[in-house]
N, C-alpha and C. Protein backbone atom coordinates (compact mmCIF):
# COMPACT_ATOMS: atom_id res chain seq x y z
N MET A 1 0.84 -1.20 0.00
CA MET A 1 0.00 0.00 0.00
C MET A 1 0.88 1.25 0.00
N ILE A 2 0.44 2.23 -0.75
CA ILE A 2 1.13 3.52 -0.77
C ILE A 2 0.16 4.58 -0.24
N TYR A 3 0.57 5.28 0.83
CA TYR A 3 -0.27 6.29 1.45
C TYR A 3 0.27 7.68 1.17
N GLY A 4 -0.63 8.61 0.87
CA GLY A 4 -0.26 10.01 0.74
C GLY A 4 -0.67 10.70 2.02
N TYR A 5 0.29 11.27 2.75
CA TYR A 5 -0.02 11.92 4.03
C TYR A 5 0.07 13.43 3.90
N ILE A 6 -1.01 14.11 4.29
CA ILE A 6 -1.08 15.57 4.20
C ILE A 6 -1.47 16.13 5.57
N ARG A 7 -0.71 17.14 6.03
CA ARG A 7 -1.07 17.83 7.27
C ARG A 7 -0.92 19.33 7.10
N VAL A 8 -1.95 20.06 7.50
CA VAL A 8 -1.86 21.52 7.57
C VAL A 8 -2.14 21.93 9.00
N SER A 9 -1.59 23.08 9.41
CA SER A 9 -1.69 23.49 10.81
C SER A 9 -2.98 24.21 11.14
N THR A 10 -3.52 24.97 10.19
CA THR A 10 -4.73 25.74 10.46
C THR A 10 -5.75 25.60 9.34
N ASP A 11 -6.96 26.00 9.63
CA ASP A 11 -8.03 25.95 8.64
C ASP A 11 -7.76 26.88 7.47
N LYS A 12 -6.92 27.90 7.70
CA LYS A 12 -6.62 28.86 6.65
C LYS A 12 -5.72 28.26 5.58
N GLN A 13 -4.99 27.23 5.95
CA GLN A 13 -4.11 26.58 4.98
C GLN A 13 -4.92 25.54 4.20
N THR A 14 -4.49 25.27 3.00
CA THR A 14 -5.20 24.31 2.16
C THR A 14 -4.39 23.05 1.94
N VAL A 15 -5.08 21.93 1.87
CA VAL A 15 -4.39 20.66 1.64
C VAL A 15 -4.10 20.46 0.15
N GLU A 16 -4.71 21.29 -0.69
CA GLU A 16 -4.60 21.08 -2.13
C GLU A 16 -3.18 21.22 -2.65
N ASN A 17 -2.41 22.16 -2.09
CA ASN A 17 -1.03 22.33 -2.55
C ASN A 17 -0.20 21.07 -2.29
N GLN A 18 -0.35 20.52 -1.08
CA GLN A 18 0.40 19.30 -0.76
C GLN A 18 -0.09 18.12 -1.59
N ARG A 19 -1.39 18.04 -1.79
CA ARG A 19 -1.94 16.95 -2.61
C ARG A 19 -1.38 17.02 -4.03
N PHE A 20 -1.31 18.24 -4.57
CA PHE A 20 -0.79 18.44 -5.92
C PHE A 20 0.67 18.02 -6.00
N GLU A 21 1.48 18.43 -5.00
CA GLU A 21 2.91 18.09 -4.99
C GLU A 21 3.12 16.58 -4.92
N ILE A 22 2.35 15.93 -4.05
CA ILE A 22 2.50 14.48 -3.88
C ILE A 22 2.03 13.72 -5.12
N THR A 23 0.91 14.18 -5.69
CA THR A 23 0.38 13.53 -6.90
C THR A 23 1.36 13.66 -8.05
N LYS A 24 1.93 14.84 -8.21
CA LYS A 24 2.91 15.08 -9.27
C LYS A 24 4.14 14.19 -9.07
N TYR A 25 4.59 14.08 -7.82
CA TYR A 25 5.75 13.25 -7.49
C TYR A 25 5.45 11.77 -7.80
N ALA A 26 4.26 11.33 -7.40
CA ALA A 26 3.87 9.93 -7.63
C ALA A 26 3.79 9.62 -9.13
N ASP A 27 3.21 10.51 -9.89
CA ASP A 27 3.10 10.31 -11.35
C ASP A 27 4.48 10.23 -12.00
N LYS A 28 5.36 11.13 -11.55
CA LYS A 28 6.71 11.17 -12.12
C LYS A 28 7.47 9.88 -11.84
N ASN A 29 7.23 9.30 -10.65
CA ASN A 29 7.93 8.07 -10.26
C ASN A 29 7.10 6.80 -10.48
N LYS A 30 5.99 6.96 -11.23
CA LYS A 30 5.12 5.84 -11.59
C LYS A 30 4.62 5.09 -10.35
N LEU A 31 4.15 5.88 -9.38
CA LEU A 31 3.60 5.32 -8.15
C LEU A 31 2.11 5.63 -8.08
N HIS A 32 1.36 4.72 -7.49
CA HIS A 32 -0.08 4.93 -7.36
C HIS A 32 -0.44 5.09 -5.89
N ILE A 33 -1.08 6.21 -5.54
CA ILE A 33 -1.51 6.46 -4.17
C ILE A 33 -2.77 5.64 -3.90
N ASP A 34 -2.67 4.68 -3.00
CA ASP A 34 -3.83 3.83 -2.68
C ASP A 34 -4.80 4.52 -1.73
N LYS A 35 -4.25 5.34 -0.81
CA LYS A 35 -5.13 6.00 0.16
C LYS A 35 -4.51 7.31 0.63
N TRP A 36 -5.38 8.31 0.83
CA TRP A 36 -4.93 9.61 1.32
C TRP A 36 -5.30 9.75 2.80
N ILE A 37 -4.36 10.30 3.57
CA ILE A 37 -4.60 10.62 4.97
C ILE A 37 -4.41 12.13 5.12
N GLU A 38 -5.48 12.83 5.47
CA GLU A 38 -5.41 14.28 5.61
C GLU A 38 -5.85 14.71 7.01
N GLU A 39 -5.22 15.78 7.52
CA GLU A 39 -5.66 16.32 8.80
C GLU A 39 -5.22 17.77 8.98
N THR A 40 -6.01 18.49 9.74
CA THR A 40 -5.71 19.88 10.08
C THR A 40 -5.42 19.93 11.57
N VAL A 41 -4.15 19.95 11.89
CA VAL A 41 -3.74 19.90 13.31
C VAL A 41 -2.30 20.37 13.42
N SER A 42 -1.94 20.91 14.57
CA SER A 42 -0.57 21.36 14.79
C SER A 42 0.38 20.17 14.85
N GLY A 43 1.57 20.36 14.31
CA GLY A 43 2.57 19.30 14.33
C GLY A 43 3.15 19.06 15.70
N THR A 44 2.84 19.95 16.66
CA THR A 44 3.34 19.75 18.03
C THR A 44 2.51 18.73 18.79
N ILE A 45 1.31 18.43 18.27
CA ILE A 45 0.45 17.45 18.92
C ILE A 45 1.03 16.05 18.74
N SER A 46 0.97 15.26 19.77
CA SER A 46 1.50 13.89 19.70
C SER A 46 0.87 13.12 18.55
N PRO A 47 1.66 12.33 17.82
CA PRO A 47 1.11 11.51 16.72
C PRO A 47 -0.04 10.62 17.18
N LYS A 48 0.00 10.20 18.46
CA LYS A 48 -1.04 9.32 18.99
C LYS A 48 -2.42 9.99 18.94
N LYS A 49 -2.42 11.32 18.98
CA LYS A 49 -3.68 12.06 18.99
C LYS A 49 -4.02 12.60 17.60
N ARG A 50 -3.30 12.11 16.58
CA ARG A 50 -3.54 12.57 15.21
C ARG A 50 -3.90 11.37 14.32
N ASN A 51 -4.37 11.68 13.13
CA ASN A 51 -4.63 10.62 12.15
C ASN A 51 -3.34 9.90 11.79
N LEU A 52 -2.22 10.62 11.94
CA LEU A 52 -0.92 10.01 11.67
C LEU A 52 -0.70 8.80 12.56
N GLY A 53 -1.14 8.90 13.83
CA GLY A 53 -0.98 7.78 14.76
C GLY A 53 -1.72 6.54 14.27
N LYS A 54 -2.93 6.75 13.75
CA LYS A 54 -3.70 5.62 13.22
C LYS A 54 -2.99 5.01 12.02
N LEU A 55 -2.39 5.89 11.19
CA LEU A 55 -1.66 5.41 10.02
C LEU A 55 -0.45 4.58 10.43
N LEU A 56 0.26 5.04 11.47
CA LEU A 56 1.45 4.32 11.93
C LEU A 56 1.11 2.92 12.42
N HIS A 57 -0.09 2.75 12.96
CA HIS A 57 -0.52 1.43 13.42
C HIS A 57 -1.00 0.57 12.26
N LYS A 58 -1.46 1.22 11.20
CA LYS A 58 -2.04 0.50 10.08
C LYS A 58 -1.00 -0.04 9.10
N VAL A 59 0.09 0.72 8.88
CA VAL A 59 1.07 0.34 7.86
C VAL A 59 1.73 -1.00 8.19
N ARG A 60 2.10 -1.70 7.15
CA ARG A 60 2.76 -2.99 7.27
C ARG A 60 4.06 -3.00 6.48
N SER A 61 4.86 -4.02 6.69
CA SER A 61 6.14 -4.16 5.99
C SER A 61 5.92 -4.08 4.49
N GLY A 62 6.71 -3.25 3.83
CA GLY A 62 6.60 -3.09 2.38
C GLY A 62 5.76 -1.90 1.96
N ASP A 63 5.03 -1.30 2.92
CA ASP A 63 4.21 -0.13 2.60
C ASP A 63 5.09 1.12 2.44
N THR A 64 4.50 2.16 1.86
CA THR A 64 5.21 3.41 1.64
C THR A 64 4.32 4.59 2.02
N ILE A 65 4.92 5.58 2.68
CA ILE A 65 4.23 6.82 3.01
C ILE A 65 4.90 7.96 2.25
N ILE A 66 4.12 8.73 1.52
CA ILE A 66 4.66 9.88 0.78
C ILE A 66 4.09 11.15 1.38
N CYS A 67 4.96 12.10 1.73
CA CYS A 67 4.52 13.40 2.24
C CYS A 67 5.32 14.49 1.56
N SER A 68 4.86 15.71 1.66
CA SER A 68 5.54 16.80 0.96
C SER A 68 6.92 17.09 1.55
N GLU A 69 7.03 16.99 2.87
CA GLU A 69 8.33 17.21 3.54
C GLU A 69 8.28 16.61 4.94
N LEU A 70 9.43 16.38 5.54
CA LEU A 70 9.49 15.73 6.85
C LEU A 70 8.79 16.53 7.94
N SER A 71 8.75 17.85 7.80
CA SER A 71 8.12 18.68 8.83
C SER A 71 6.62 18.43 8.92
N ARG A 72 6.04 17.77 7.92
CA ARG A 72 4.61 17.42 7.97
C ARG A 72 4.37 16.35 9.03
N LEU A 73 5.41 15.57 9.36
CA LEU A 73 5.26 14.49 10.35
C LEU A 73 5.25 15.04 11.76
N GLY A 74 5.97 16.15 12.00
CA GLY A 74 6.03 16.72 13.35
C GLY A 74 6.80 18.01 13.35
N ARG A 75 6.73 18.73 14.47
CA ARG A 75 7.40 20.02 14.55
C ARG A 75 8.75 19.96 15.25
N SER A 76 8.99 18.90 16.03
CA SER A 76 10.27 18.79 16.71
C SER A 76 11.12 17.69 16.07
N MET A 77 12.41 17.92 16.09
CA MET A 77 13.33 16.95 15.52
C MET A 77 13.18 15.59 16.19
N PHE A 78 13.03 15.61 17.53
CA PHE A 78 12.92 14.34 18.26
C PHE A 78 11.68 13.57 17.85
N MET A 79 10.56 14.27 17.67
CA MET A 79 9.32 13.61 17.27
C MET A 79 9.46 12.98 15.88
N ILE A 80 10.04 13.74 14.95
CA ILE A 80 10.22 13.24 13.58
C ILE A 80 11.13 12.02 13.57
N MET A 81 12.21 12.10 14.35
CA MET A 81 13.16 10.99 14.40
C MET A 81 12.51 9.73 14.97
N SER A 82 11.69 9.90 16.00
CA SER A 82 11.01 8.76 16.61
C SER A 82 10.10 8.07 15.60
N ILE A 83 9.36 8.88 14.84
CA ILE A 83 8.44 8.35 13.83
C ILE A 83 9.20 7.60 12.74
N LEU A 84 10.27 8.23 12.23
CA LEU A 84 11.05 7.60 11.16
C LEU A 84 11.72 6.32 11.63
N ASN A 85 12.23 6.34 12.84
CA ASN A 85 12.89 5.15 13.37
C ASN A 85 11.90 3.99 13.47
N ASN A 86 10.69 4.28 13.95
CA ASN A 86 9.65 3.27 14.07
C ASN A 86 9.28 2.70 12.70
N LEU A 87 9.15 3.57 11.71
CA LEU A 87 8.77 3.13 10.37
C LEU A 87 9.86 2.29 9.72
N MET A 88 11.11 2.73 9.86
CA MET A 88 12.21 1.99 9.25
C MET A 88 12.41 0.64 9.91
N GLU A 89 12.19 0.56 11.21
CA GLU A 89 12.31 -0.72 11.91
C GLU A 89 11.25 -1.71 11.42
N ASN A 90 10.11 -1.18 10.96
CA ASN A 90 9.03 -2.02 10.46
C ASN A 90 9.02 -2.12 8.93
N ASN A 91 10.15 -1.73 8.33
CA ASN A 91 10.34 -1.86 6.88
C ASN A 91 9.28 -1.07 6.09
N VAL A 92 8.92 0.09 6.61
CA VAL A 92 7.99 0.98 5.91
C VAL A 92 8.80 2.14 5.33
N ALA A 93 8.70 2.37 4.02
CA ALA A 93 9.47 3.43 3.37
C ALA A 93 8.77 4.78 3.52
N VAL A 94 9.57 5.85 3.57
CA VAL A 94 9.04 7.21 3.63
C VAL A 94 9.68 8.02 2.51
N TYR A 95 8.85 8.56 1.62
CA TYR A 95 9.34 9.40 0.54
C TYR A 95 8.89 10.83 0.80
N THR A 96 9.80 11.79 0.60
CA THR A 96 9.42 13.19 0.74
C THR A 96 9.64 13.91 -0.59
N VAL A 97 8.71 14.78 -0.93
CA VAL A 97 8.76 15.45 -2.22
C VAL A 97 9.83 16.54 -2.26
N LYS A 98 9.81 17.44 -1.28
CA LYS A 98 10.71 18.59 -1.31
C LYS A 98 12.17 18.22 -1.05
N GLU A 99 12.41 17.38 -0.01
CA GLU A 99 13.81 17.01 0.29
C GLU A 99 14.33 15.91 -0.64
N GLY A 100 13.41 15.17 -1.25
CA GLY A 100 13.83 14.09 -2.14
C GLY A 100 14.33 12.86 -1.40
N TYR A 101 13.92 12.69 -0.12
CA TYR A 101 14.34 11.50 0.64
C TYR A 101 13.53 10.28 0.19
N ARG A 102 14.21 9.14 0.15
CA ARG A 102 13.55 7.85 -0.08
C ARG A 102 14.07 6.92 1.02
N LEU A 103 13.47 7.05 2.18
CA LEU A 103 13.97 6.34 3.35
C LEU A 103 13.36 4.95 3.45
N GLY A 104 14.22 3.95 3.41
CA GLY A 104 13.76 2.57 3.50
C GLY A 104 14.82 1.74 4.17
N GLN A 105 15.27 0.69 3.53
CA GLN A 105 16.28 -0.20 4.10
C GLN A 105 17.62 -0.10 3.38
N ASP A 106 17.80 0.94 2.54
CA ASP A 106 19.07 1.08 1.84
C ASP A 106 20.13 1.69 2.75
N LEU A 107 21.35 1.79 2.25
CA LEU A 107 22.46 2.29 3.04
C LEU A 107 22.24 3.74 3.46
N GLN A 108 21.72 4.55 2.54
CA GLN A 108 21.47 5.97 2.85
C GLN A 108 20.53 6.10 4.04
N SER A 109 19.50 5.27 4.06
CA SER A 109 18.53 5.32 5.15
C SER A 109 19.16 4.93 6.47
N LYS A 110 20.02 3.90 6.45
CA LYS A 110 20.66 3.44 7.67
C LYS A 110 21.63 4.49 8.21
N VAL A 111 22.33 5.17 7.30
CA VAL A 111 23.24 6.23 7.71
C VAL A 111 22.44 7.38 8.31
N LEU A 112 21.33 7.73 7.64
CA LEU A 112 20.49 8.81 8.12
C LEU A 112 19.87 8.45 9.47
N ALA A 113 19.45 7.20 9.62
CA ALA A 113 18.86 6.75 10.88
C ALA A 113 19.90 6.85 12.01
N PHE A 114 21.15 6.52 11.68
CA PHE A 114 22.22 6.62 12.67
C PHE A 114 22.42 8.08 13.09
N ALA A 115 22.40 8.97 12.09
CA ALA A 115 22.55 10.40 12.38
C ALA A 115 21.39 10.88 13.24
N PHE A 116 20.19 10.39 12.95
CA PHE A 116 19.02 10.76 13.73
C PHE A 116 19.17 10.31 15.18
N SER A 117 19.66 9.08 15.37
CA SER A 117 19.79 8.54 16.72
C SER A 117 20.81 9.34 17.53
N ILE A 118 21.90 9.77 16.87
CA ILE A 118 22.90 10.60 17.53
C ILE A 118 22.30 11.94 17.93
N SER A 119 21.53 12.53 16.99
CA SER A 119 20.89 13.82 17.26
C SER A 119 19.91 13.71 18.43
N ALA A 120 19.19 12.59 18.48
CA ALA A 120 18.22 12.37 19.56
C ALA A 120 18.93 12.30 20.91
N GLU A 121 20.07 11.63 20.93
CA GLU A 121 20.84 11.50 22.16
C GLU A 121 21.35 12.86 22.61
N ILE A 122 21.80 13.67 21.65
CA ILE A 122 22.29 15.01 21.96
C ILE A 122 21.15 15.86 22.51
N GLU A 123 19.98 15.75 21.89
CA GLU A 123 18.84 16.54 22.34
C GLU A 123 18.42 16.14 23.75
N ARG A 124 18.43 14.84 24.04
CA ARG A 124 18.08 14.38 25.39
C ARG A 124 19.07 14.93 26.42
N THR A 125 20.36 14.95 26.04
CA THR A 125 21.39 15.47 26.94
C THR A 125 21.19 16.95 27.20
N LEU A 126 20.86 17.69 26.14
CA LEU A 126 20.64 19.13 26.27
C LEU A 126 19.44 19.42 27.17
N ILE A 127 18.39 18.61 27.04
CA ILE A 127 17.20 18.77 27.87
C ILE A 127 17.57 18.57 29.34
N ALA A 128 18.36 17.52 29.59
CA ALA A 128 18.79 17.23 30.96
C ALA A 128 19.62 18.37 31.52
N GLU A 129 20.52 18.93 30.66
CA GLU A 129 21.37 20.03 31.11
C GLU A 129 20.54 21.28 31.42
N ARG A 130 19.56 21.57 30.56
CA ARG A 130 18.71 22.74 30.79
C ARG A 130 17.91 22.59 32.08
N THR A 131 17.44 21.35 32.32
CA THR A 131 16.68 21.10 33.54
C THR A 131 17.56 21.31 34.77
N THR A 132 18.80 20.78 34.71
CA THR A 132 19.74 20.92 35.83
C THR A 132 20.06 22.38 36.09
N GLU A 133 20.29 23.15 35.00
CA GLU A 133 20.60 24.57 35.13
C GLU A 133 19.42 25.33 35.76
N ALA A 134 18.19 24.95 35.35
CA ALA A 134 16.99 25.61 35.89
C ALA A 134 16.88 25.35 37.39
N LEU A 135 17.20 24.12 37.80
CA LEU A 135 17.16 23.77 39.23
C LEU A 135 18.20 24.57 40.01
N LYS A 136 19.38 24.72 39.41
CA LYS A 136 20.44 25.47 40.08
C LYS A 136 20.05 26.94 40.23
N ARG A 137 19.40 27.50 39.19
CA ARG A 137 18.96 28.89 39.26
C ARG A 137 17.92 29.08 40.36
N CYS A 138 17.02 28.09 40.46
CA CYS A 138 15.99 28.15 41.50
C CYS A 138 16.63 28.18 42.89
N LYS A 139 17.62 27.32 43.09
CA LYS A 139 18.31 27.27 44.38
C LYS A 139 19.06 28.57 44.65
N ALA A 140 19.71 29.11 43.59
CA ALA A 140 20.47 30.35 43.73
C ALA A 140 19.55 31.53 44.06
N ASP A 141 18.33 31.50 43.57
CA ASP A 141 17.36 32.57 43.82
C ASP A 141 16.62 32.37 45.13
N GLY A 142 16.99 31.31 45.85
CA GLY A 142 16.38 31.08 47.14
C GLY A 142 15.04 30.36 47.09
N ILE A 143 14.72 29.81 45.93
CA ILE A 143 13.46 29.07 45.78
C ILE A 143 13.66 27.67 46.33
N LYS A 144 12.83 27.30 47.28
CA LYS A 144 12.93 25.98 47.87
C LYS A 144 12.31 24.94 46.95
N LEU A 145 13.05 23.88 46.72
CA LEU A 145 12.57 22.81 45.86
C LEU A 145 11.95 21.70 46.71
N GLY A 146 11.15 20.89 46.08
CA GLY A 146 10.48 19.84 46.81
C GLY A 146 9.16 20.34 47.36
N ARG A 147 8.61 19.67 48.35
CA ARG A 147 7.30 20.03 48.89
C ARG A 147 7.42 21.16 49.91
N PRO A 148 6.83 22.32 49.59
CA PRO A 148 6.88 23.43 50.54
C PRO A 148 6.09 23.09 51.81
N LYS A 149 6.44 23.75 52.92
CA LYS A 149 5.74 23.49 54.18
C LYS A 149 4.28 23.89 54.03
N GLY A 150 3.42 23.05 54.56
CA GLY A 150 2.00 23.36 54.50
C GLY A 150 1.31 22.86 53.25
N ARG A 151 2.09 22.45 52.25
CA ARG A 151 1.51 21.95 51.02
C ARG A 151 1.13 20.49 51.16
N LYS A 152 0.15 20.08 50.41
CA LYS A 152 -0.27 18.68 50.43
C LYS A 152 0.75 17.84 49.66
N ASN A 153 0.71 16.56 49.89
CA ASN A 153 1.66 15.66 49.25
C ASN A 153 1.47 15.53 47.75
N SER A 154 0.36 16.06 47.19
CA SER A 154 0.09 15.92 45.76
C SER A 154 1.19 16.57 44.93
N VAL A 155 1.72 17.72 45.37
CA VAL A 155 2.79 18.39 44.64
C VAL A 155 4.08 17.60 44.79
N TYR A 156 4.30 17.07 45.97
CA TYR A 156 5.50 16.30 46.25
C TYR A 156 5.60 15.07 45.34
N LYS A 157 4.46 14.55 44.90
CA LYS A 157 4.46 13.36 44.05
C LYS A 157 5.24 13.57 42.75
N LEU A 158 5.32 14.80 42.24
CA LEU A 158 5.97 15.07 40.97
C LEU A 158 7.46 15.35 41.09
N THR A 159 7.95 15.49 42.31
CA THR A 159 9.38 15.72 42.48
C THR A 159 10.16 14.54 41.90
N GLY A 160 11.15 14.86 41.06
CA GLY A 160 11.94 13.81 40.41
C GLY A 160 11.43 13.49 39.01
N LYS A 161 10.29 14.08 38.64
CA LYS A 161 9.73 13.82 37.30
C LYS A 161 9.88 15.03 36.39
N GLU A 162 10.78 15.94 36.75
CA GLU A 162 10.98 17.16 35.97
C GLU A 162 11.40 16.84 34.53
N LYS A 163 12.32 15.88 34.38
CA LYS A 163 12.81 15.55 33.04
C LYS A 163 11.72 14.93 32.18
N ILE A 164 10.89 14.10 32.79
CA ILE A 164 9.79 13.47 32.05
C ILE A 164 8.83 14.53 31.54
N ILE A 165 8.47 15.48 32.43
CA ILE A 165 7.54 16.54 32.06
C ILE A 165 8.14 17.40 30.95
N GLN A 166 9.42 17.77 31.10
CA GLN A 166 10.09 18.61 30.11
C GLN A 166 10.14 17.90 28.76
N LYS A 167 10.44 16.61 28.77
CA LYS A 167 10.53 15.85 27.53
C LYS A 167 9.17 15.75 26.84
N MET A 168 8.12 15.51 27.61
CA MET A 168 6.77 15.38 27.03
C MET A 168 6.30 16.70 26.44
N ILE A 169 6.67 17.81 27.08
CA ILE A 169 6.31 19.13 26.54
C ILE A 169 7.01 19.37 25.22
N ILE A 170 8.30 19.06 25.15
CA ILE A 170 9.08 19.25 23.93
C ILE A 170 8.56 18.37 22.80
N GLU A 171 8.11 17.16 23.15
CA GLU A 171 7.61 16.24 22.13
C GLU A 171 6.19 16.59 21.68
N GLY A 172 5.59 17.59 22.32
CA GLY A 172 4.31 18.08 21.85
C GLY A 172 3.08 17.50 22.52
N TYR A 173 3.26 16.79 23.62
CA TYR A 173 2.10 16.25 24.32
C TYR A 173 1.30 17.38 24.97
N THR A 174 -0.01 17.29 24.97
CA THR A 174 -0.86 18.31 25.57
C THR A 174 -0.80 18.19 27.09
N LYS A 175 -1.18 19.30 27.76
CA LYS A 175 -1.19 19.27 29.23
C LYS A 175 -2.21 18.25 29.73
N THR A 176 -3.31 18.12 29.00
CA THR A 176 -4.34 17.16 29.40
C THR A 176 -3.78 15.75 29.39
N TYR A 177 -2.99 15.42 28.35
CA TYR A 177 -2.39 14.08 28.26
C TYR A 177 -1.37 13.88 29.37
N ILE A 178 -0.55 14.92 29.63
CA ILE A 178 0.49 14.81 30.67
C ILE A 178 -0.16 14.57 32.03
N ILE A 179 -1.25 15.31 32.30
CA ILE A 179 -1.98 15.15 33.56
C ILE A 179 -2.50 13.73 33.71
N SER A 180 -3.06 13.20 32.62
CA SER A 180 -3.59 11.84 32.64
C SER A 180 -2.48 10.82 32.82
N TYR A 181 -1.35 11.04 32.13
CA TYR A 181 -0.22 10.11 32.19
C TYR A 181 0.39 10.07 33.59
N LEU A 182 0.51 11.25 34.23
CA LEU A 182 1.13 11.33 35.56
C LEU A 182 0.14 11.05 36.68
N LYS A 183 -1.17 10.99 36.31
CA LYS A 183 -2.22 10.71 37.29
C LYS A 183 -2.25 11.74 38.42
N VAL A 184 -2.25 13.03 38.02
CA VAL A 184 -2.36 14.12 38.98
C VAL A 184 -3.42 15.10 38.49
N SER A 185 -3.78 16.05 39.33
CA SER A 185 -4.76 17.06 38.93
C SER A 185 -4.05 18.16 38.14
N SER A 186 -4.83 18.96 37.40
CA SER A 186 -4.25 20.06 36.62
C SER A 186 -3.58 21.07 37.55
N ALA A 187 -4.20 21.32 38.71
CA ALA A 187 -3.62 22.27 39.67
C ALA A 187 -2.26 21.80 40.16
N THR A 188 -2.15 20.50 40.40
CA THR A 188 -0.88 19.93 40.87
C THR A 188 0.21 20.11 39.83
N LEU A 189 -0.12 19.81 38.55
CA LEU A 189 0.87 19.94 37.48
C LEU A 189 1.28 21.39 37.29
N TYR A 190 0.31 22.32 37.23
CA TYR A 190 0.62 23.73 36.99
C TYR A 190 1.46 24.31 38.13
N SER A 191 1.10 23.96 39.37
CA SER A 191 1.85 24.46 40.52
C SER A 191 3.29 23.96 40.49
N PHE A 192 3.44 22.69 40.16
CA PHE A 192 4.77 22.10 40.12
C PHE A 192 5.61 22.74 39.02
N MET A 193 4.99 22.96 37.83
CA MET A 193 5.71 23.58 36.71
C MET A 193 6.16 24.98 37.07
N ARG A 194 5.28 25.76 37.73
CA ARG A 194 5.65 27.11 38.14
C ARG A 194 6.78 27.08 39.16
N MET A 195 6.68 26.16 40.08
CA MET A 195 7.68 26.04 41.14
C MET A 195 9.05 25.68 40.56
N MET A 196 9.06 24.83 39.51
CA MET A 196 10.31 24.36 38.94
C MET A 196 10.78 25.23 37.79
N GLY A 197 9.97 26.23 37.39
CA GLY A 197 10.35 27.10 36.30
C GLY A 197 10.28 26.43 34.95
N ILE A 198 9.40 25.43 34.83
CA ILE A 198 9.22 24.71 33.55
C ILE A 198 8.19 25.45 32.72
N GLU A 199 8.56 25.84 31.49
CA GLU A 199 7.65 26.58 30.62
C GLU A 199 6.96 25.65 29.65
N TYR A 200 5.73 26.02 29.29
CA TYR A 200 4.97 25.22 28.31
C TYR A 200 4.71 26.07 27.09
C-alpha cells in the first residue's frame, strides 16, 4: 500500500497544494496512491492524537508513506526521528517530495537513521542540562525545591519527574495528556511547573 499523508496546521491553509505536490511526485515516479490521509492539526500534537498515529498502526512491511516534507510528520526533531525510526524498523518506506528523501532499508537510510539517533541522544542530553541549570537557578534565587511546608503531598508526588515533564512538553504532548499520564490534577501539574520554572 502507498499512502499520501497531508497535514496543515490551520483551517486557513489548504491541503490542495500538498496533494498536488504528492500527486505530481507519484506520477513522475510511476507510483499509485492507494489511500490519502489528511488532517488539520498542529505538528506539536503527539502523533497518537492525530490521524498520523492511526496510520502508523495500520502500515505494514513493504508499505510506503509519501509526504511533501518531513516537517509534515512533526514540529520537533525528536518527534520526527522517533516516527522515522519506528517506520524503518518495520520496513515501511518514507518518501518526501521537497527534500527528495527515499527512506527505506538502503544504506542511505541506515546512515540517516544513525545520524538521527545521535541527534536524539544530543537533544536528550541538552534537555537534561537545561533542567539541571533551571534547578540550580531556583536554588540560587532562594526558591525551595520539593514540597513546601503546609503543602499537600500531591505536589511532592511530581518531584523527580521534571525531566519526564520537560521531555513530554518538547515532544508536543498536551497538558491534558500529561496530567492523565502522571495521574495528577491540573492544579498539581501547573503548581509544580511554576515552582520548577518549567515553561509550556
